[in-house]
């Protein structure tokens, strides 16, 4: 029973690491696409509209926050605060974007 729990914990930790790395990697890909003006990299999938650079930055922050939130890192105060800070920035940008749509005003977030 104890062995099964450790195996499951190790499996879920690996899935969490993979998800964090994937999110960070997608954000990096899109930012490289914007930086070097490569249309194929600006989109998550060919044929879709391009992803905004701020969204790519949020993907990177989500990935970094997820990575910092893992159990063995979250015990370190700096890592925990970094994860919270990344989450706060992403949530704030999301709320500001929703406010833009709700009030029909542009705050220029997409043009950063």
N, C-alpha and C. Protein backbone atom coordinates (compact mmCIF):
# COMPACT_ATOMS: atom_id res chain seq x y z
N UNK A 1 0.82 -1.20 0.00
CA UNK A 1 0.00 0.00 0.00
C UNK A 1 0.87 1.27 0.00
N UNK A 2 1.87 1.29 0.87
CA UNK A 2 2.76 2.45 0.96
C UNK A 2 3.54 2.61 -0.34
N UNK A 3 3.95 1.48 -0.94
CA UNK A 3 4.69 1.52 -2.21
C UNK A 3 3.83 2.11 -3.32
N UNK A 4 2.53 1.77 -3.33
CA UNK A 4 1.61 2.30 -4.34
C UNK A 4 1.48 3.81 -4.22
N UNK A 5 1.42 4.31 -3.00
CA UNK A 5 1.30 5.76 -2.80
C UNK A 5 2.54 6.49 -3.29
N UNK A 6 3.72 5.92 -3.00
CA UNK A 6 4.95 6.55 -3.46
C UNK A 6 5.04 6.53 -4.98
N UNK A 7 4.61 5.44 -5.59
CA UNK A 7 4.62 5.35 -7.05
C UNK A 7 3.68 6.38 -7.67
N UNK A 8 2.49 6.49 -7.08
CA UNK A 8 1.52 7.47 -7.59
C UNK A 8 2.04 8.89 -7.40
N UNK A 9 2.64 9.15 -6.25
CA UNK A 9 3.19 10.48 -5.98
C UNK A 9 4.30 10.81 -6.98
N UNK A 10 5.16 9.86 -7.27
CA UNK A 10 6.24 10.06 -8.23
C UNK A 10 5.67 10.29 -9.63
N UNK A 11 4.64 9.52 -10.00
CA UNK A 11 4.00 9.67 -11.31
C UNK A 11 3.38 11.05 -11.45
N UNK A 12 2.63 11.48 -10.45
CA UNK A 12 1.97 12.79 -10.51
C UNK A 12 2.97 13.94 -10.49
N UNK A 13 4.07 13.75 -9.77
CA UNK A 13 5.12 14.76 -9.77
C UNK A 13 5.73 14.89 -11.17
N UNK A 14 5.91 13.76 -11.85
CA UNK A 14 6.43 13.79 -13.22
C UNK A 14 5.47 14.46 -14.18
N UNK A 15 4.18 14.18 -14.02
CA UNK A 15 3.17 14.82 -14.86
C UNK A 15 3.17 16.32 -14.62
N UNK A 16 3.26 16.73 -13.37
CA UNK A 16 3.30 18.15 -13.02
C UNK A 16 4.52 18.83 -13.64
N UNK A 17 5.67 18.18 -13.54
CA UNK A 17 6.89 18.73 -14.15
C UNK A 17 6.74 18.85 -15.66
N UNK A 18 6.17 17.83 -16.28
CA UNK A 18 5.97 17.86 -17.73
C UNK A 18 5.02 18.97 -18.16
N UNK A 19 3.95 19.16 -17.40
CA UNK A 19 3.00 20.22 -17.73
C UNK A 19 3.63 21.60 -17.57
N UNK A 20 4.42 21.77 -16.53
CA UNK A 20 5.09 23.06 -16.30
C UNK A 20 6.09 23.33 -17.41
N UNK A 21 6.86 22.32 -17.78
CA UNK A 21 7.85 22.48 -18.85
C UNK A 21 7.18 22.75 -20.19
N UNK A 22 6.07 22.07 -20.46
CA UNK A 22 5.34 22.28 -21.71
C UNK A 22 4.80 23.70 -21.79
N UNK A 23 4.20 24.17 -20.72
CA UNK A 23 3.66 25.53 -20.70
C UNK A 23 4.77 26.55 -20.91
N UNK A 24 5.88 26.38 -20.21
CA UNK A 24 7.00 27.30 -20.36
C UNK A 24 7.55 27.25 -21.78
N UNK A 25 7.66 26.04 -22.33
CA UNK A 25 8.19 25.88 -23.68
C UNK A 25 7.31 26.51 -24.75
N UNK A 26 5.99 26.38 -24.61
CA UNK A 26 5.08 27.00 -25.57
C UNK A 26 5.22 28.52 -25.52
N UNK A 27 5.30 29.07 -24.31
CA UNK A 27 5.49 30.51 -24.18
C UNK A 27 6.78 30.97 -24.83
N UNK A 28 7.86 30.22 -24.61
CA UNK A 28 9.15 30.56 -25.23
C UNK A 28 9.06 30.50 -26.75
N UNK A 29 8.39 29.46 -27.27
CA UNK A 29 8.25 29.30 -28.72
C UNK A 29 7.56 30.51 -29.33
N UNK A 30 6.48 30.94 -28.71
CA UNK A 30 5.72 32.07 -29.25
C UNK A 30 6.53 33.36 -29.16
N UNK A 31 7.23 33.57 -28.05
CA UNK A 31 8.05 34.78 -27.94
C UNK A 31 9.19 34.80 -28.96
N UNK A 32 9.79 33.65 -29.22
CA UNK A 32 10.83 33.57 -30.26
C UNK A 32 10.21 33.90 -31.62
N UNK A 33 8.99 33.40 -31.85
CA UNK A 33 8.29 33.72 -33.10
C UNK A 33 8.05 35.21 -33.27
N UNK A 34 7.68 35.88 -32.19
CA UNK A 34 7.47 37.33 -32.27
C UNK A 34 8.80 38.07 -32.42
N UNK A 35 9.81 37.63 -31.69
CA UNK A 35 11.11 38.30 -31.71
C UNK A 35 11.74 38.27 -33.11
N UNK A 36 11.68 37.09 -33.75
CA UNK A 36 12.31 36.93 -35.06
C UNK A 36 11.31 36.99 -36.21
N UNK A 37 10.07 37.35 -35.92
CA UNK A 37 9.00 37.46 -36.92
C UNK A 37 8.87 36.19 -37.75
N UNK A 38 8.68 35.06 -37.05
CA UNK A 38 8.47 33.76 -37.69
C UNK A 38 7.01 33.37 -37.45
N UNK A 39 6.14 33.55 -38.45
CA UNK A 39 4.71 33.28 -38.25
C UNK A 39 4.39 31.88 -37.75
N UNK A 40 5.14 30.88 -38.18
CA UNK A 40 4.86 29.51 -37.75
C UNK A 40 5.06 29.32 -36.25
N UNK A 41 5.91 30.12 -35.64
CA UNK A 41 6.16 30.00 -34.21
C UNK A 41 5.23 30.88 -33.37
N UNK A 42 4.59 31.84 -34.00
CA UNK A 42 3.70 32.75 -33.27
C UNK A 42 2.40 32.08 -32.86
N UNK A 43 2.10 30.95 -33.46
CA UNK A 43 0.86 30.24 -33.18
C UNK A 43 1.18 28.90 -32.52
N UNK A 44 0.30 28.45 -31.66
CA UNK A 44 0.50 27.16 -30.99
C UNK A 44 0.37 26.02 -32.00
N UNK A 45 -0.47 26.22 -33.00
CA UNK A 45 -0.68 25.20 -34.04
C UNK A 45 -0.81 25.90 -35.39
N UNK A 46 -0.22 25.32 -36.44
CA UNK A 46 -0.31 25.95 -37.76
C UNK A 46 -1.77 26.14 -38.20
N UNK A 47 -2.03 27.28 -38.79
CA UNK A 47 -3.38 27.57 -39.26
C UNK A 47 -4.22 28.33 -38.26
N UNK A 48 -3.81 28.39 -37.03
CA UNK A 48 -4.54 29.15 -36.02
C UNK A 48 -4.02 30.58 -35.99
N UNK A 49 -4.81 31.46 -35.41
CA UNK A 49 -4.37 32.86 -35.31
C UNK A 49 -3.16 32.93 -34.37
N UNK A 50 -2.38 33.99 -34.50
CA UNK A 50 -1.17 34.11 -33.68
C UNK A 50 -1.53 34.41 -32.23
N UNK A 51 -0.68 33.93 -31.36
CA UNK A 51 -0.82 34.15 -29.93
C UNK A 51 -0.16 35.48 -29.58
N UNK A 52 -0.79 36.27 -28.75
CA UNK A 52 -0.21 37.55 -28.33
C UNK A 52 1.00 37.31 -27.45
N UNK A 53 1.94 38.23 -27.49
CA UNK A 53 3.17 38.10 -26.71
C UNK A 53 2.88 38.09 -25.21
N UNK A 54 1.89 38.86 -24.77
CA UNK A 54 1.54 38.88 -23.35
C UNK A 54 1.00 37.52 -22.92
N UNK A 55 0.25 36.88 -23.79
CA UNK A 55 -0.25 35.54 -23.50
C UNK A 55 0.90 34.56 -23.38
N UNK A 56 1.88 34.69 -24.27
CA UNK A 56 3.06 33.82 -24.21
C UNK A 56 3.81 34.03 -22.90
N UNK A 57 3.93 35.28 -22.48
CA UNK A 57 4.58 35.57 -21.20
C UNK A 57 3.81 34.92 -20.05
N UNK A 58 2.49 34.96 -20.12
CA UNK A 58 1.66 34.32 -19.09
C UNK A 58 1.86 32.81 -19.09
N UNK A 59 1.97 32.19 -20.27
CA UNK A 59 2.25 30.76 -20.34
C UNK A 59 3.57 30.45 -19.64
N UNK A 60 4.57 31.29 -19.88
CA UNK A 60 5.87 31.07 -19.24
C UNK A 60 5.77 31.23 -17.72
N UNK A 61 5.04 32.24 -17.26
CA UNK A 61 4.87 32.44 -15.82
C UNK A 61 4.10 31.30 -15.18
N UNK A 62 3.09 30.79 -15.88
CA UNK A 62 2.32 29.65 -15.36
C UNK A 62 3.23 28.42 -15.23
N UNK A 63 4.03 28.18 -16.26
CA UNK A 63 4.95 27.05 -16.21
C UNK A 63 5.96 27.19 -15.08
N UNK A 64 6.53 28.39 -14.95
CA UNK A 64 7.51 28.62 -13.89
C UNK A 64 6.86 28.49 -12.51
N UNK A 65 5.65 29.03 -12.37
CA UNK A 65 4.95 28.94 -11.08
C UNK A 65 4.62 27.49 -10.74
N UNK A 66 4.20 26.73 -11.75
CA UNK A 66 3.92 25.31 -11.52
C UNK A 66 5.16 24.55 -11.11
N UNK A 67 6.27 24.85 -11.74
CA UNK A 67 7.53 24.19 -11.42
C UNK A 67 7.99 24.55 -10.00
N UNK A 68 7.86 25.83 -9.65
CA UNK A 68 8.25 26.27 -8.31
C UNK A 68 7.31 25.75 -7.22
N UNK A 69 6.09 25.40 -7.59
CA UNK A 69 5.09 24.95 -6.62
C UNK A 69 5.22 23.48 -6.25
N UNK A 70 6.08 22.76 -6.94
CA UNK A 70 6.21 21.34 -6.63
C UNK A 70 6.72 21.16 -5.20
N UNK A 71 6.30 20.06 -4.61
CA UNK A 71 6.49 19.85 -3.17
C UNK A 71 7.92 20.08 -2.68
N UNK A 72 8.89 19.54 -3.38
CA UNK A 72 10.27 19.66 -2.89
C UNK A 72 10.84 21.06 -3.06
N UNK A 73 10.23 21.87 -3.95
CA UNK A 73 10.67 23.26 -4.11
C UNK A 73 9.84 24.23 -3.28
N UNK A 74 8.58 23.90 -3.08
CA UNK A 74 7.66 24.81 -2.39
C UNK A 74 8.04 24.99 -0.91
N UNK A 75 8.91 24.13 -0.41
CA UNK A 75 9.35 24.27 0.97
C UNK A 75 10.35 25.41 1.12
N UNK A 76 10.90 25.86 0.01
CA UNK A 76 11.84 26.98 0.02
C UNK A 76 11.04 28.27 -0.12
N UNK A 77 11.24 29.19 0.79
CA UNK A 77 10.43 30.40 0.85
C UNK A 77 10.49 31.21 -0.45
N UNK A 78 11.67 31.38 -1.02
CA UNK A 78 11.82 32.18 -2.25
C UNK A 78 11.04 31.53 -3.39
N UNK A 79 11.10 30.20 -3.49
CA UNK A 79 10.36 29.49 -4.54
C UNK A 79 8.86 29.67 -4.35
N UNK A 80 8.40 29.55 -3.12
CA UNK A 80 6.98 29.70 -2.83
C UNK A 80 6.49 31.11 -3.19
N UNK A 81 7.26 32.14 -2.81
CA UNK A 81 6.88 33.51 -3.14
C UNK A 81 6.95 33.76 -4.64
N UNK A 82 7.92 33.16 -5.30
CA UNK A 82 8.01 33.28 -6.76
C UNK A 82 6.81 32.68 -7.45
N UNK A 83 6.38 31.52 -6.96
CA UNK A 83 5.19 30.88 -7.53
C UNK A 83 3.95 31.74 -7.31
N UNK A 84 3.80 32.26 -6.11
CA UNK A 84 2.66 33.13 -5.81
C UNK A 84 2.70 34.39 -6.66
N UNK A 85 3.88 34.98 -6.80
CA UNK A 85 4.03 36.20 -7.60
C UNK A 85 3.67 35.97 -9.05
N UNK A 86 4.15 34.86 -9.61
CA UNK A 86 3.80 34.53 -11.00
C UNK A 86 2.31 34.35 -11.18
N UNK A 87 1.69 33.66 -10.24
CA UNK A 87 0.24 33.47 -10.30
C UNK A 87 -0.51 34.78 -10.18
N UNK A 88 -0.02 35.66 -9.32
CA UNK A 88 -0.65 36.97 -9.14
C UNK A 88 -0.58 37.79 -10.43
N UNK A 89 0.58 37.79 -11.09
CA UNK A 89 0.74 38.56 -12.33
C UNK A 89 -0.20 38.01 -13.41
N UNK A 90 -0.26 36.69 -13.55
CA UNK A 90 -1.14 36.08 -14.57
C UNK A 90 -2.60 36.39 -14.27
N UNK A 91 -3.00 36.24 -13.01
CA UNK A 91 -4.40 36.54 -12.64
C UNK A 91 -4.73 38.01 -12.86
N UNK A 92 -3.80 38.89 -12.52
CA UNK A 92 -4.03 40.33 -12.72
C UNK A 92 -4.19 40.67 -14.19
N UNK A 93 -3.31 40.13 -15.03
CA UNK A 93 -3.43 40.39 -16.47
C UNK A 93 -4.74 39.83 -17.03
N UNK A 94 -5.15 38.68 -16.54
CA UNK A 94 -6.43 38.11 -16.97
C UNK A 94 -7.60 38.98 -16.57
N UNK A 95 -7.60 39.46 -15.34
CA UNK A 95 -8.69 40.33 -14.87
C UNK A 95 -8.71 41.66 -15.63
N UNK A 96 -7.53 42.21 -15.89
CA UNK A 96 -7.47 43.46 -16.65
C UNK A 96 -7.98 43.26 -18.08
N UNK A 97 -7.67 42.13 -18.67
CA UNK A 97 -8.16 41.83 -20.02
C UNK A 97 -9.68 41.67 -20.01
N UNK A 98 -10.21 40.99 -18.99
CA UNK A 98 -11.67 40.87 -18.88
C UNK A 98 -12.32 42.25 -18.70
N UNK A 99 -11.68 43.11 -17.93
CA UNK A 99 -12.20 44.47 -17.74
C UNK A 99 -12.20 45.23 -19.05
N UNK A 100 -11.17 45.02 -19.89
CA UNK A 100 -11.14 45.67 -21.20
C UNK A 100 -12.37 45.28 -22.01
N UNK A 101 -12.68 43.99 -22.03
CA UNK A 101 -13.84 43.53 -22.80
C UNK A 101 -15.15 44.01 -22.18
N UNK A 102 -15.23 43.96 -20.86
CA UNK A 102 -16.47 44.32 -20.18
C UNK A 102 -16.81 45.80 -20.36
N UNK A 103 -15.80 46.66 -20.33
CA UNK A 103 -16.04 48.09 -20.40
C UNK A 103 -15.77 48.69 -21.77
N UNK A 104 -15.35 47.88 -22.72
CA UNK A 104 -15.11 48.36 -24.08
C UNK A 104 -13.98 49.35 -24.17
N UNK A 105 -13.04 49.28 -23.26
CA UNK A 105 -11.89 50.21 -23.24
C UNK A 105 -10.62 49.39 -23.43
N UNK A 106 -9.67 49.95 -24.11
CA UNK A 106 -8.39 49.27 -24.29
C UNK A 106 -7.35 49.85 -23.32
N UNK A 107 -6.74 48.97 -22.56
CA UNK A 107 -5.68 49.38 -21.66
C UNK A 107 -4.31 49.19 -22.31
N UNK A 108 -4.31 48.67 -23.53
CA UNK A 108 -3.06 48.48 -24.27
C UNK A 108 -2.26 47.26 -23.83
N UNK A 109 -2.89 46.33 -23.13
CA UNK A 109 -2.18 45.15 -22.65
C UNK A 109 -1.62 44.34 -23.82
N UNK A 110 -2.40 44.17 -24.88
CA UNK A 110 -1.96 43.37 -26.02
C UNK A 110 -0.87 44.05 -26.84
N UNK A 111 -0.65 45.31 -26.62
CA UNK A 111 0.36 46.02 -27.39
C UNK A 111 1.70 46.15 -26.65
N UNK A 112 1.77 45.59 -25.46
CA UNK A 112 3.01 45.71 -24.68
C UNK A 112 4.19 45.12 -25.40
